[in-house]
Amino acid sequence: MVKFSTSIFVALIALVAFLSRDALAELPGHWQSRAPMPSARTEVAAVELGGKIYVLGGYEKGGNLVEEYDPASDRWRA
């Protein structure tokens, strides 16, 4: 019974992975490089507000703890 249940589980996971791959392939868009964030940090929080992205907090070496990214102009500011 356990072997049969495991086989069904593996088959379902494979089916979901296959369907997800096809669904993702049909989504519009593509990856592209943009302006790098001015400060190297880890463990940050980010939020979008009014079309801009704000990166807050985290661990860093100097600099401001809040930076704003404007995707329209591809620019960062403190």
Protein backbone atom coordinates (compact mmCIF):
# COMPACT_ATOMS: atom_id res chain seq x y z
CA MET A 1 0.00 0.00 0.00
CA VAL A 2 2.80 2.44 0.90
CA LYS A 3 4.68 1.67 -2.33
CA PHE A 4 1.51 2.29 -4.37
CA SER A 5 0.83 5.60 -2.55
CA THR A 6 4.42 6.73 -3.12
CA SER A 7 4.12 5.96 -6.83
CA ILE A 8 0.93 8.01 -7.11
CA PHE A 9 2.56 10.88 -5.20
CA VAL A 10 5.61 10.88 -7.49
CA ALA A 11 3.38 10.76 -10.58
CA LEU A 12 1.33 13.72 -9.32
CA ILE A 13 4.47 15.76 -8.61
CA ALA A 14 5.78 15.00 -12.11
CA LEU A 15 2.45 16.04 -13.65
CA VAL A 16 2.36 19.33 -11.70
CA ALA A 17 5.96 20.09 -12.67
CA PHE A 18 5.21 19.39 -16.34
CA LEU A 19 2.06 21.52 -16.37
CA SER A 20 3.79 24.36 -14.50
CA ARG A 21 6.66 24.39 -17.00
CA ASP A 22 4.25 24.74 -19.93
CA ALA A 23 2.24 27.45 -18.20
CA LEU A 24 5.38 29.44 -17.38
CA ALA A 25 6.66 29.10 -20.96
CA GLU A 26 3.58 30.92 -22.24
CA LEU A 27 3.92 33.94 -19.96
CA PRO A 28 5.08 37.16 -21.64
CA GLY A 29 8.28 38.92 -20.63
CA HIS A 30 11.94 38.17 -20.25
CA TRP A 31 14.82 38.77 -17.85
CA GLN A 32 17.10 41.74 -18.35
CA SER A 33 19.92 43.40 -16.44
CA ARG A 34 19.15 46.78 -14.91
CA ALA A 35 21.12 49.29 -12.82
CA PRO A 36 22.76 47.52 -9.87
CA MET A 37 21.75 48.47 -6.35
CA PRO A 38 24.36 50.95 -4.98
CA SER A 39 25.02 49.09 -1.73
CA ALA A 40 25.67 45.41 -1.20
CA ARG A 41 23.37 44.14 1.58
CA THR A 42 21.80 40.99 2.88
CA GLU A 43 18.52 40.35 4.67
CA VAL A 44 16.65 43.37 3.28
CA ALA A 45 12.97 44.21 2.99
CA ALA A 46 11.53 45.60 -0.23
CA VAL A 47 8.25 47.24 -1.15
CA GLU A 48 6.72 48.79 -4.28
CA LEU A 49 4.95 52.11 -3.81
CA GLY A 50 3.85 54.48 -6.54
CA GLY A 51 5.77 52.62 -9.24
CA LYS A 52 9.07 52.74 -7.35
CA ILE A 53 10.84 50.02 -5.36
CA TYR A 54 12.18 50.78 -1.90
CA VAL A 55 14.85 48.57 -0.30
CA LEU A 56 15.08 48.96 3.47
CA GLY A 57 17.36 47.72 6.22
CA GLY A 58 19.64 44.76 6.02
CA TYR A 59 23.29 44.28 6.82
CA GLU A 60 25.72 46.44 4.87
CA LYS A 61 29.09 48.20 4.89
CA GLY A 62 28.32 51.92 5.19
CA GLY A 63 25.77 53.97 3.24
CA ASN A 64 22.07 54.60 3.70
CA LEU A 65 19.69 51.95 4.90
CA VAL A 66 16.94 53.06 2.47
CA GLU A 67 17.36 53.18 -1.30
CA GLU A 68 14.77 53.89 -3.98
CA TYR A 69 14.75 52.34 -7.46
CA ASP A 70 12.81 53.92 -10.32
CA PRO A 71 12.21 51.30 -13.04
CA ALA A 72 11.09 53.98 -15.52
CA SER A 73 14.48 55.71 -15.43
CA ASP A 74 16.51 52.66 -14.31
CA ARG A 75 18.10 54.71 -11.50
CA TRP A 76 18.73 54.32 -7.79
CA ARG A 77 18.85 57.07 -5.18
CA ALA A 78 19.47 57.20 -1.44
